Protein backbone atom coordinates (compact mmCIF):
# COMPACT_ATOMS: atom_id res chain seq x y z
CA MET A 1 8.40 -7.92 -20.17
CA SER A 2 8.74 -9.94 -16.98
CA ARG A 3 5.81 -11.75 -15.43
CA ARG A 4 5.06 -11.23 -11.81
CA ALA A 5 4.53 -14.18 -9.60
CA PRO A 6 0.83 -15.00 -8.91
CA ARG A 7 1.43 -14.37 -5.23
CA ASP A 8 2.33 -10.74 -6.03
CA ASP A 9 -1.23 -9.96 -7.09
CA GLY A 10 -2.72 -10.92 -3.73
CA LEU A 11 -3.13 -9.27 -0.35
CA PHE A 12 0.26 -10.55 0.94
CA PRO A 13 2.73 -9.69 -1.86
CA SER A 14 6.40 -10.62 -1.69
CA GLU A 15 8.91 -8.08 -0.33
CA VAL A 16 10.22 -7.70 -3.87
CA GLU A 17 6.75 -6.75 -5.07
CA ILE A 18 6.21 -4.35 -2.18
CA ALA A 19 9.51 -2.66 -3.08
CA ARG A 20 8.35 -2.42 -6.70
CA ARG A 21 4.98 -0.87 -5.71
CA LEU A 22 6.82 1.69 -3.50
CA SER A 23 9.41 2.56 -6.24
CA GLN A 24 12.24 1.04 -4.25
CA THR A 25 14.90 -1.55 -4.99
CA PRO A 26 14.54 -4.73 -2.90
CA SER A 27 17.70 -3.82 -0.91
CA GLU A 28 16.49 -0.25 -0.34
CA TRP A 29 13.09 -1.56 0.86
CA ALA A 30 14.68 -4.12 3.21
CA ALA A 31 16.70 -1.44 4.98
CA LYS A 32 13.83 1.08 5.10
CA ALA A 33 11.25 -1.50 6.22
CA ARG A 34 13.35 -2.26 9.35
CA VAL A 35 13.35 1.43 10.26
CA LEU A 36 9.68 1.99 9.41
CA GLU A 37 8.53 -1.06 11.46
CA ARG A 38 9.63 0.87 14.55
CA ASP A 39 7.16 3.59 13.49
CA GLY A 40 4.22 1.23 12.94
CA LEU A 41 4.74 -0.31 9.44
CA PRO A 42 2.90 -3.66 9.51
CA ARG A 43 5.30 -6.54 10.07
CA ILE A 44 5.39 -9.71 8.03
CA ASP A 45 2.55 -11.95 9.14
CA PRO A 46 4.19 -15.26 10.25
CA LEU A 47 1.20 -17.40 9.15
CA MET A 48 0.74 -15.74 5.75
CA GLY A 49 4.41 -15.11 5.07
CA GLY A 50 4.00 -11.55 3.96
CA ARG A 51 2.83 -8.07 4.86
CA PHE A 52 -0.87 -7.26 4.46
CA TRP A 53 -0.94 -4.82 1.53
CA PRO A 54 -4.08 -2.81 2.58
CA ALA A 55 -2.45 -2.17 5.98
CA ILE A 56 0.81 -1.06 4.29
CA ARG A 57 -1.13 1.33 2.10
CA ALA A 58 -3.08 2.66 5.10
CA TYR A 59 0.18 3.11 6.99
CA PHE A 60 1.65 5.32 4.23
CA LEU A 61 -1.53 7.27 3.76
CA ALA A 62 -1.66 8.05 7.48
CA ARG A 63 2.10 8.80 7.56
CA HIS A 64 1.48 11.49 4.91
CA GLY A 65 -1.65 12.90 6.50
CA LEU A 66 -4.26 11.25 4.32
CA SER A 67 -5.67 8.71 6.73
CA GLY A 68 -9.12 10.37 6.68
CA ALA A 69 -9.26 10.64 2.91
CA GLU A 70 -11.74 8.41 1.14
CA ALA A 71 -13.45 8.44 -2.20
CA LEU A 72 -17.02 9.70 -1.98
CA ALA A 73 -19.92 8.55 -4.09
CA PRO A 74 -21.45 11.11 -6.41
CA ASP A 75 -24.41 12.91 -4.75
CA GLY A 76 -26.54 13.01 -7.83
CA GLU A 77 -26.69 14.31 -11.36
CA GLU A 78 -25.22 17.75 -11.89
CA ASN A 79 -27.44 20.61 -13.12
CA LEU A 80 -25.14 23.04 -14.84
CA ASP A 81 -28.08 25.35 -15.73
CA ALA A 82 -28.44 26.15 -12.02
CA LEU A 83 -25.13 27.99 -12.08
């Protein structure tokens, strides 16, 4: 089993790690990222040296119509006898 670099667990993962998370090879991701950047994919932050993962995730959620989706907290204990 290969070990991931510590940097890959953070908010600015390497391009190789982003490719892995998106089920792409690094070369597939490099080509697709150039195209997707024209459509709003977050670019590599020059100061941090990587793409901000939460923004990448938000980009893909919005791209697939899930930008308004969020997990909701439970509204209380269920009473199954009320059914």
